[in-house]
Amino acid sequence: MYRGKLTVVGAGPGDIELITLKGIKALSDADVVLYDALVDTQLLEYASDAEQIFVGKRKGCYAYQQEQINELIVQRARTKGHVVRLKGGDPFVFGRGAEEMEYAAQHGLEVAVVPGISSAVSVPAAQHIPVTKRGATESFWVITGTTKEHKLSKDVELAAKSNATILILMGMSKLGEIMELFKQQGKSELPVAIIQNGTTDKEKVGIGTVASIEYKAKEQQLSNPAIIIIGEVVHHRRRLMELQEHYANKLELVENNN
């Protein structure tokens, strides 16, 4: 029997190169790894000698309920030693990392956390969409689209009244409801981006407005896991692409003249 240790590790937004060095070190030291569905399994190669258990959710099907995951953490830590709980993004941003650490501590385990790069900020950034930009927005909201009661968060309605960039995770099933709240605020022409499977080779991007994004999402078959970005900052992506294209055309013209 061991006292046991739990380390909750953020794996980053999807690209395996976006996990931190400290996260890799934790995996290398693990006796057991419990990993989620949004984690790229290539990361498990850093824990090749550890027991590896999938505890994630795919298309509404749970491998384990949360209560069972909590018990599994304690049981494996006491019998094997060091448990790493590997989660997508950052474990403290809608990741239940805090809940699992609290449960482990209540049962006498040593606990630690390795922060991860949150998908809320990094996925838009990877598509050249800043969450803040001088002259466009002074703040940003990160909101879960679906609460534990499977309803739309009331914070979305509050956010729709602000001038902030709005980042909604796990909100694709509520896309129509979300856009309606922005329409009610007279923001039908506000730009919107949806990024599915961000930073991975399965990434898909849809760009539109509050009025058109539902059509765009259906046209491009966009679904979870995805991030919805609402705000003027979405225009930065197009502006950057236009500048790059303009410069490339100028270079081509110079080369042709030579």
C-alpha atoms as a PDB file:
ATOM      1  CA  MET A   1       0.000   0.000   0.000  1.00  0.00           C
ATOM      2  CA  TYR A   2       1.136   3.529  -0.851  1.00  0.00           C
ATOM      3  CA  ARG A   3      -0.042   6.893   0.387  1.00  0.00           C
ATOM      4  CA  GLY A   4      -0.231   7.651  -3.322  1.00  0.00           C
ATOM      5  CA  LYS A   5      -0.103  10.771  -5.454  1.00  0.00           C
ATOM      6  CA  LEU A   6      -2.378  12.359  -8.043  1.00  0.00           C
ATOM      7  CA  THR A   7      -0.999  14.762 -10.638  1.00  0.00           C
ATOM      8  CA  VAL A   8      -3.583  16.409 -12.860  1.00  0.00           C
ATOM      9  CA  VAL A   9      -1.950  17.323 -16.184  1.00  0.00           C
ATOM     10  CA  GLY A  10      -3.238  19.569 -18.950  1.00  0.00           C
ATOM     11  CA  ALA A  11      -2.423  18.074 -22.365  1.00  0.00           C
ATOM     12  CA  GLY A  12      -3.089  21.281 -24.299  1.00  0.00           C
ATOM     13  CA  PRO A  13      -5.579  21.905 -27.125  1.00  0.00           C
ATOM     14  CA  GLY A  14      -4.829  18.895 -29.341  1.00  0.00           C
ATOM     15  CA  ASP A  15      -1.464  19.263 -31.067  1.00  0.00           C
ATOM     16  CA  ILE A  16       0.875  16.954 -29.128  1.00  0.00           C
ATOM     17  CA  GLU A  17       3.668  19.532 -29.330  1.00  0.00           C
ATOM     18  CA  LEU A  18       1.600  21.925 -27.221  1.00  0.00           C
ATOM     19  CA  ILE A  19       1.874  19.939 -23.989  1.00  0.00           C
ATOM     20  CA  THR A  20       4.343  21.463 -21.519  1.00  0.00           C
ATOM     21  CA  LEU A  21       7.727  19.994 -20.664  1.00  0.00           C
ATOM     22  CA  LYS A  22       6.542  19.613 -17.068  1.00  0.00           C
ATOM     23  CA  GLY A  23       3.552  17.619 -18.315  1.00  0.00           C
ATOM     24  CA  ILE A  24       5.843  15.240 -20.193  1.00  0.00           C
ATOM     25  CA  LYS A  25       7.982  14.780 -17.078  1.00  0.00           C
ATOM     26  CA  ALA A  26       4.876  13.915 -15.048  1.00  0.00           C
ATOM     27  CA  LEU A  27       3.841  11.309 -17.634  1.00  0.00           C
ATOM     28  CA  SER A  28       7.327   9.785 -17.592  1.00  0.00           C
ATOM     29  CA  ASP A  29       7.066   9.412 -13.819  1.00  0.00           C
ATOM     30  CA  ALA A  30       3.551   7.925 -13.808  1.00  0.00           C
ATOM     31  CA  ASP A  31       2.620   4.446 -12.604  1.00  0.00           C
ATOM     32  CA  VAL A  32      -0.931   4.851 -13.936  1.00  0.00           C
ATOM     33  CA  VAL A  33      -2.388   7.263 -16.510  1.00  0.00           C
ATOM     34  CA  LEU A  34      -6.117   7.992 -16.724  1.00  0.00           C
ATOM     35  CA  TYR A  35      -6.766   9.875 -19.967  1.00  0.00           C
ATOM     36  CA  ASP A  36      -9.701  11.600 -21.657  1.00  0.00           C
ATOM     37  CA  ALA A  37     -11.171  11.399 -25.161  1.00  0.00           C
ATOM     38  CA  LEU A  38      -9.715  14.718 -26.335  1.00  0.00           C
ATOM     39  CA  VAL A  39      -6.159  13.627 -25.532  1.00  0.00           C
ATOM     40  CA  ASP A  40      -3.978  12.497 -28.455  1.00  0.00           C
ATOM     41  CA  THR A  41      -2.927   8.971 -27.538  1.00  0.00           C
ATOM     42  CA  GLN A  42       0.568   9.594 -28.952  1.00  0.00           C
ATOM     43  CA  LEU A  43       1.249  11.357 -25.646  1.00  0.00           C
ATOM     44  CA  LEU A  44       0.901   8.019 -23.881  1.00  0.00           C
ATOM     45  CA  GLU A  45       4.248   7.008 -25.385  1.00  0.00           C
ATOM     46  CA  TYR A  46       5.830   9.186 -22.685  1.00  0.00           C
ATOM     47  CA  ALA A  47       4.263   6.813 -20.137  1.00  0.00           C
ATOM     48  CA  SER A  48       4.990   3.534 -21.890  1.00  0.00           C
ATOM     49  CA  ASP A  49       5.707   1.654 -18.653  1.00  0.00           C
ATOM     50  CA  ALA A  50       2.541   2.875 -16.905  1.00  0.00           C
ATOM     51  CA  GLU A  51      -0.896   1.287 -16.792  1.00  0.00           C
ATOM     52  CA  GLN A  52      -3.081   3.296 -19.205  1.00  0.00           C
ATOM     53  CA  ILE A  53      -6.832   3.570 -18.701  1.00  0.00           C
ATOM     54  CA  PHE A  54      -9.256   5.429 -20.982  1.00  0.00           C
ATOM     55  CA  VAL A  55     -11.865   7.217 -18.866  1.00  0.00           C
ATOM     56  CA  GLY A  56     -13.231   9.705 -21.404  1.00  0.00           C
ATOM     57  CA  LYS A  57     -16.532  10.319 -23.112  1.00  0.00           C
ATOM     58  CA  ARG A  58     -17.220   9.767 -26.807  1.00  0.00           C
ATOM     59  CA  LYS A  59     -20.518  10.797 -28.459  1.00  0.00           C
ATOM     60  CA  GLY A  60     -22.364  10.842 -25.152  1.00  0.00           C
ATOM     61  CA  CYS A  61     -21.059   7.435 -24.024  1.00  0.00           C
ATOM     62  CA  TYR A  62     -19.076   7.411 -20.799  1.00  0.00           C
ATOM     63  CA  ALA A  63     -16.324   4.854 -20.207  1.00  0.00           C
ATOM     64  CA  TYR A  64     -16.649   5.726 -16.493  1.00  0.00           C
ATOM     65  CA  GLN A  65     -18.962   8.037 -14.574  1.00  0.00           C
ATOM     66  CA  GLN A  66     -17.230  10.819 -12.644  1.00  0.00           C
ATOM     67  CA  GLU A  67     -17.774   9.094  -9.299  1.00  0.00           C
ATOM     68  CA  GLN A  68     -16.109   5.966 -10.690  1.00  0.00           C
ATOM     69  CA  ILE A  69     -13.139   8.000 -11.958  1.00  0.00           C
ATOM     70  CA  ASN A  70     -12.712   9.511  -8.501  1.00  0.00           C
ATOM     71  CA  GLU A  71     -12.680   6.057  -6.902  1.00  0.00           C
ATOM     72  CA  LEU A  72     -10.310   4.727  -9.565  1.00  0.00           C
ATOM     73  CA  ILE A  73      -7.826   7.518  -8.838  1.00  0.00           C
ATOM     74  CA  VAL A  74      -7.765   6.688  -5.136  1.00  0.00           C
ATOM     75  CA  GLN A  75      -7.644   2.926  -5.637  1.00  0.00           C
ATOM     76  CA  ARG A  76      -4.795   3.021  -8.179  1.00  0.00           C
ATOM     77  CA  ALA A  77      -2.813   5.598  -6.192  1.00  0.00           C
ATOM     78  CA  ARG A  78      -2.968   3.443  -3.055  1.00  0.00           C
ATOM     79  CA  THR A  79      -1.983   0.240  -4.843  1.00  0.00           C
ATOM     80  CA  LYS A  80       0.447   1.535  -7.496  1.00  0.00           C
ATOM     81  CA  GLY A  81       1.724   4.951  -6.418  1.00  0.00           C
ATOM     82  CA  HIS A  82       1.641   7.866  -8.858  1.00  0.00           C
ATOM     83  CA  VAL A  83      -1.533   8.470 -10.872  1.00  0.00           C
ATOM     84  CA  VAL A  84      -1.507  11.037 -13.689  1.00  0.00           C
ATOM     85  CA  ARG A  85      -4.881  12.320 -14.766  1.00  0.00           C
ATOM     86  CA  LEU A  86      -4.347  13.537 -18.335  1.00  0.00           C
ATOM     87  CA  LYS A  87      -6.922  16.039 -19.586  1.00  0.00           C
ATOM     88  CA  GLY A  88      -7.334  18.069 -22.759  1.00  0.00           C
ATOM     89  CA  GLY A  89      -6.615  21.796 -22.615  1.00  0.00           C
ATOM     90  CA  ASP A  90      -6.138  23.123 -19.104  1.00  0.00           C
ATOM     91  CA  PRO A  91      -7.567  20.949 -16.311  1.00  0.00           C
ATOM     92  CA  PHE A  92      -8.957  23.954 -14.439  1.00  0.00           C
ATOM     93  CA  VAL A  93     -10.955  25.301 -17.414  1.00  0.00           C
ATOM     94  CA  PHE A  94     -14.155  23.211 -17.473  1.00  0.00           C
ATOM     95  CA  GLY A  95     -12.033  20.124 -16.860  1.00  0.00           C
ATOM     96  CA  ARG A  96     -13.128  18.888 -13.411  1.00  0.00           C
ATOM     97  CA  GLY A  97      -9.497  18.859 -12.369  1.00  0.00           C
ATOM     98  CA  ALA A  98     -10.274  20.764  -9.189  1.00  0.00           C
ATOM     99  CA  GLU A  99     -13.013  18.281  -8.234  1.00  0.00           C
ATOM    100  CA  GLU A 100     -10.738  15.285  -8.694  1.00  0.00           C
ATOM    101  CA  MET A 101      -7.904  16.865  -6.728  1.00  0.00           C
ATOM    102  CA  GLU A 102     -10.254  17.712  -3.874  1.00  0.00           C
ATOM    103  CA  TYR A 103     -11.591  14.143  -3.759  1.00  0.00           C
ATOM    104  CA  ALA A 104      -8.051  12.723  -3.793  1.00  0.00           C
ATOM    105  CA  ALA A 105      -6.918  15.056  -1.004  1.00  0.00           C
ATOM    106  CA  GLN A 106      -9.931  14.081   1.099  1.00  0.00           C
ATOM    107  CA  HIS A 107      -8.733  10.476   0.844  1.00  0.00           C
ATOM    108  CA  GLY A 108      -5.189  11.256   1.918  1.00  0.00           C
ATOM    109  CA  LEU A 109      -3.419  11.446  -1.438  1.00  0.00           C
ATOM    110  CA  GLU A 110      -0.709  13.941  -2.263  1.00  0.00           C
ATOM    111  CA  VAL A 111      -1.974  16.171  -5.074  1.00  0.00           C
ATOM    112  CA  ALA A 112      -0.344  18.342  -7.743  1.00  0.00           C
ATOM    113  CA  VAL A 113      -1.375  20.064 -10.968  1.00  0.00           C
ATOM    114  CA  VAL A 114       0.474  20.829 -14.195  1.00  0.00           C
ATOM    115  CA  PRO A 115      -1.373  23.627 -16.020  1.00  0.00           C
ATOM    116  CA  GLY A 116      -2.069  23.136 -19.702  1.00  0.00           C
ATOM    117  CA  ILE A 117      -2.532  25.501 -22.643  1.00  0.00           C
ATOM    118  CA  SER A 118      -6.262  26.180 -22.704  1.00  0.00           C
ATOM    119  CA  SER A 119      -8.057  25.548 -25.984  1.00  0.00           C
ATOM    120  CA  ALA A 120     -10.186  28.633 -25.281  1.00  0.00           C
ATOM    121  CA  VAL A 121      -7.273  30.936 -26.123  1.00  0.00           C
ATOM    122  CA  SER A 122      -4.877  28.772 -28.145  1.00  0.00           C
ATOM    123  CA  VAL A 123      -7.294  27.337 -30.719  1.00  0.00           C
ATOM    124  CA  PRO A 124      -8.398  30.800 -31.934  1.00  0.00           C
ATOM    125  CA  ALA A 125      -4.760  31.956 -31.830  1.00  0.00           C
ATOM    126  CA  ALA A 126      -3.661  29.064 -34.041  1.00  0.00           C
ATOM    127  CA  GLN A 127      -6.148  30.354 -36.633  1.00  0.00           C
ATOM    128  CA  HIS A 128      -4.838  33.934 -36.253  1.00  0.00           C
ATOM    129  CA  ILE A 129      -7.785  35.100 -34.147  1.00  0.00           C
ATOM    130  CA  PRO A 130      -6.648  37.030 -31.066  1.00  0.00           C
ATOM    131  CA  VAL A 131      -9.051  37.033 -28.128  1.00  0.00           C
ATOM    132  CA  THR A 132      -8.149  40.683 -27.447  1.00  0.00           C
ATOM    133  CA  LYS A 133      -6.983  43.383 -29.835  1.00  0.00           C
ATOM    134  CA  ARG A 134      -6.405  47.043 -29.160  1.00  0.00           C
ATOM    135  CA  GLY A 135      -9.254  49.095 -30.591  1.00  0.00           C
ATOM    136  CA  ALA A 136     -11.515  46.066 -30.990  1.00  0.00           C
ATOM    137  CA  THR A 137     -12.053  44.562 -27.548  1.00  0.00           C
ATOM    138  CA  GLU A 138     -10.804  45.068 -24.012  1.00  0.00           C
ATOM    139  CA  SER A 139     -11.772  41.724 -22.488  1.00  0.00           C
ATOM    140  CA  PHE A 140     -12.972  38.221 -23.222  1.00  0.00           C
ATOM    141  CA  TRP A 141     -15.448  35.780 -21.706  1.00  0.00           C
ATOM    142  CA  VAL A 142     -14.909  32.016 -21.648  1.00  0.00           C
ATOM    143  CA  ILE A 143     -18.234  30.273 -21.134  1.00  0.00           C
ATOM    144  CA  THR A 144     -19.423  26.683 -21.142  1.00  0.00           C
ATOM    145  CA  GLY A 145     -22.255  26.314 -23.611  1.00  0.00           C
ATOM    146  CA  THR A 146     -23.935  23.534 -21.663  1.00  0.00           C
ATOM    147  CA  THR A 147     -24.284  23.373 -17.881  1.00  0.00           C
ATOM    148  CA  LYS A 148     -24.406  20.173 -15.834  1.00  0.00           C
ATOM    149  CA  GLU A 149     -28.220  20.400 -16.169  1.00  0.00           C
ATOM    150  CA  HIS A 150     -27.683  20.311 -19.976  1.00  0.00           C
ATOM    151  CA  LYS A 151     -29.040  23.846 -20.349  1.00  0.00           C
ATOM    152  CA  LEU A 152     -27.505  26.935 -21.911  1.00  0.00           C
ATOM    153  CA  SER A 153     -25.505  28.946 -19.404  1.00  0.00           C
ATOM    154  CA  LYS A 154     -27.243  32.166 -18.340  1.00  0.00           C
ATOM    155  CA  ASP A 155     -23.869  33.891 -18.650  1.00  0.00           C
ATOM    156  CA  VAL A 156     -24.235  33.805 -22.450  1.00  0.00           C
ATOM    157  CA  GLU A 157     -27.140  36.259 -22.258  1.00  0.00           C
ATOM    158  CA  LEU A 158     -25.060  38.589 -20.079  1.00  0.00           C
ATOM    159  CA  ALA A 159     -22.074  38.276 -22.401  1.00  0.00           C
ATOM    160  CA  ALA A 160     -24.192  39.130 -25.444  1.00  0.00           C
ATOM    161  CA  LYS A 161     -24.785  42.575 -23.944  1.00  0.00           C
ATOM    162  CA  SER A 162     -21.050  43.298 -23.644  1.00  0.00           C
ATOM    163  CA  ASN A 163     -18.422  44.384 -26.171  1.00  0.00           C
ATOM    164  CA  ALA A 164     -16.099  41.556 -25.139  1.00  0.00           C
ATOM    165  CA  THR A 165     -14.893  38.665 -27.276  1.00  0.00           C
ATOM    166  CA  ILE A 166     -17.075  35.663 -26.391  1.00  0.00           C
ATOM    167  CA  LEU A 167     -15.537  32.172 -26.422  1.00  0.00           C
ATOM    168  CA  ILE A 168     -18.013  29.338 -25.953  1.00  0.00           C
ATOM    169  CA  LEU A 169     -16.872  25.772 -25.345  1.00  0.00           C
ATOM    170  CA  MET A 170     -19.172  22.759 -25.710  1.00  0.00           C
ATOM    171  CA  GLY A 171     -21.864  24.939 -27.251  1.00  0.00           C
ATOM    172  CA  MET A 172     -22.555  23.501 -30.712  1.00  0.00           C
ATOM    173  CA  SER A 173     -25.791  21.790 -29.645  1.00  0.00           C
ATOM    174  CA  LYS A 174     -27.014  25.206 -28.478  1.00  0.00           C
ATOM    175  CA  LEU A 175     -25.747  27.221 -31.469  1.00  0.00           C
ATOM    176  CA  GLY A 176     -29.215  28.433 -32.485  1.00  0.00           C
ATOM    177  CA  GLU A 177     -30.078  29.562 -28.959  1.00  0.00           C
ATOM    178  CA  ILE A 178     -26.766  31.353 -28.595  1.00  0.00           C
ATOM    179  CA  MET A 179     -27.110  33.265 -31.862  1.00  0.00           C
ATOM    180  CA  GLU A 180     -30.672  34.266 -30.994  1.00  0.00           C
ATOM    181  CA  LEU A 181     -29.430  36.000 -27.829  1.00  0.00           C
ATOM    182  CA  PHE A 182     -26.997  38.071 -29.902  1.00  0.00           C
ATOM    183  CA  LYS A 183     -29.669  38.892 -32.481  1.00  0.00           C
ATOM    184  CA  GLN A 184     -31.836  40.240 -29.673  1.00  0.00           C
ATOM    185  CA  GLN A 185     -29.022  42.689 -28.899  1.00  0.00           C
ATOM    186  CA  GLY A 186     -28.945  43.939 -32.501  1.00  0.00           C
ATOM    187  CA  LYS A 187     -25.716  42.114 -33.311  1.00  0.00           C
ATOM    188  CA  SER A 188     -26.743  40.086 -36.364  1.00  0.00           C
ATOM    189  CA  GLU A 189     -23.711  41.281 -38.349  1.00  0.00           C
ATOM    190  CA  LEU A 190     -21.161  40.560 -35.620  1.00  0.00           C
ATOM    191  CA  PRO A 191     -18.497  38.157 -36.973  1.00  0.00           C
ATOM    192  CA  VAL A 192     -18.407  34.566 -35.694  1.00  0.00           C
ATOM    193  CA  ALA A 193     -15.900  31.742 -36.127  1.00  0.00           C
ATOM    194  CA  ILE A 194     -16.330  28.060 -35.314  1.00  0.00           C
ATOM    195  CA  ILE A 195     -13.200  25.933 -35.024  1.00  0.00           C
ATOM    196  CA  GLN A 196     -13.638  22.168 -34.749  1.00  0.00           C
ATOM    197  CA  ASN A 197     -10.802  19.878 -33.591  1.00  0.00           C
ATOM    198  CA  GLY A 198      -8.516  22.875 -33.278  1.00  0.00           C
ATOM    199  CA  THR A 199      -4.718  22.490 -33.732  1.00  0.00           C
ATOM    200  CA  THR A 200      -5.111  18.902 -35.025  1.00  0.00           C
ATOM    201  CA  ASP A 201      -4.975  17.442 -38.533  1.00  0.00           C
ATOM    202  CA  LYS A 202      -8.788  17.151 -38.410  1.00  0.00           C
ATOM    203  CA  GLU A 203      -9.277  20.885 -37.885  1.00  0.00           C
ATOM    204  CA  LYS A 204     -12.216  22.551 -39.656  1.00  0.00           C
ATOM    205  CA  VAL A 205     -13.027  26.273 -39.651  1.00  0.00           C
ATOM    206  CA  GLY A 206     -16.265  28.076 -40.407  1.00  0.00           C
ATOM    207  CA  ILE A 207     -16.497  31.874 -40.622  1.00  0.00           C
ATOM    208  CA  GLY A 208     -19.702  33.901 -40.750  1.00  0.00           C
ATOM    209  CA  THR A 209     -21.834  36.311 -38.797  1.00  0.00           C
ATOM    210  CA  VAL A 210     -24.401  35.914 -36.039  1.00  0.00           C
ATOM    211  CA  ALA A 211     -27.040  35.829 -38.785  1.00  0.00           C
ATOM    212  CA  SER A 212     -25.274  33.335 -41.070  1.00  0.00           C
ATOM    213  CA  ILE A 213     -23.191  31.025 -38.891  1.00  0.00           C
ATOM    214  CA  GLU A 214     -25.879  28.370 -38.390  1.00  0.00           C
ATOM    215  CA  TYR A 215     -26.079  27.930 -42.163  1.00  0.00           C
ATOM    216  CA  LYS A 216     -22.271  27.842 -42.408  1.00  0.00           C
ATOM    217  CA  ALA A 217     -22.080  25.209 -39.656  1.00  0.00           C
ATOM    218  CA  LYS A 218     -24.578  22.969 -41.449  1.00  0.00           C
ATOM    219  CA  GLU A 219     -22.902  23.527 -44.812  1.00  0.00           C
ATOM    220  CA  GLN A 220     -19.487  22.535 -43.451  1.00  0.00           C
ATOM    221  CA  GLN A 221     -20.855  19.882 -41.074  1.00  0.00           C
ATOM    222  CA  LEU A 222     -19.274  21.485 -38.030  1.00  0.00           C
ATOM    223  CA  SER A 223     -19.916  19.822 -34.674  1.00  0.00           C
ATOM    224  CA  ASN A 224     -18.316  19.211 -31.289  1.00  0.00           C
ATOM    225  CA  PRO A 225     -15.565  19.319 -30.189  1.00  0.00           C
ATOM    226  CA  ALA A 226     -15.533  22.940 -31.299  1.00  0.00           C
ATOM    227  CA  ILE A 227     -15.057  26.464 -30.029  1.00  0.00           C
ATOM    228  CA  ILE A 228     -17.388  29.302 -30.979  1.00  0.00           C
ATOM    229  CA  ILE A 229     -15.713  32.727 -31.164  1.00  0.00           C
ATOM    230  CA  ILE A 230     -17.959  35.787 -31.345  1.00  0.00           C
ATOM    231  CA  GLY A 231     -16.545  39.277 -31.769  1.00  0.00           C
ATOM    232  CA  GLU A 232     -14.801  41.830 -33.985  1.00  0.00           C
ATOM    233  CA  VAL A 233     -11.462  40.039 -33.451  1.00  0.00           C
ATOM    234  CA  VAL A 234     -12.576  37.397 -35.945  1.00  0.00           C
ATOM    235  CA  HIS A 235     -11.920  39.995 -38.687  1.00  0.00           C
ATOM    236  CA  HIS A 236      -8.195  39.928 -37.815  1.00  0.00           C
ATOM    237  CA  ARG A 237      -7.823  36.527 -39.473  1.00  0.00           C
ATOM    238  CA  ARG A 238      -9.197  37.787 -42.794  1.00  0.00           C
ATOM    239  CA  ARG A 239      -7.152  40.997 -42.598  1.00  0.00           C
ATOM    240  CA  LEU A 240      -3.950  39.031 -42.024  1.00  0.00           C
ATOM    241  CA  MET A 241      -4.692  36.717 -44.946  1.00  0.00           C
ATOM    242  CA  GLU A 242      -5.383  39.711 -47.210  1.00  0.00           C
ATOM    243  CA  LEU A 243      -2.078  41.352 -46.241  1.00  0.00           C
ATOM    244  CA  GLN A 244      -0.135  38.147 -46.879  1.00  0.00           C
ATOM    245  CA  GLU A 245      -1.841  37.640 -50.234  1.00  0.00           C
ATOM    246  CA  HIS A 246      -1.167  41.260 -51.237  1.00  0.00           C
ATOM    247  CA  TYR A 247       2.524  40.931 -50.393  1.00  0.00           C
ATOM    248  CA  ALA A 248       2.795  37.597 -52.233  1.00  0.00           C
ATOM    249  CA  ASN A 249       1.213  39.186 -55.331  1.00  0.00           C
ATOM    250  CA  LYS A 250       3.696  42.071 -55.190  1.00  0.00           C
ATOM    251  CA  LEU A 251       6.617  39.632 -55.014  1.00  0.00           C
ATOM    252  CA  GLU A 252       5.262  37.677 -57.952  1.00  0.00           C
ATOM    253  CA  LEU A 253       4.893  40.859 -59.980  1.00  0.00           C
ATOM    254  CA  VAL A 254       8.473  41.908 -59.247  1.00  0.00           C
ATOM    255  CA  GLU A 255       9.791  38.459 -60.198  1.00  0.00           C
ATOM    256  CA  ASN A 256       7.823  38.473 -63.458  1.00  0.00           C
ATOM    257  CA  ASN A 257       9.161  41.915 -64.359  1.00  0.00           C
ATOM    258  CA  ASN A 258      12.690  40.703 -63.772  1.00  0.00           C
END
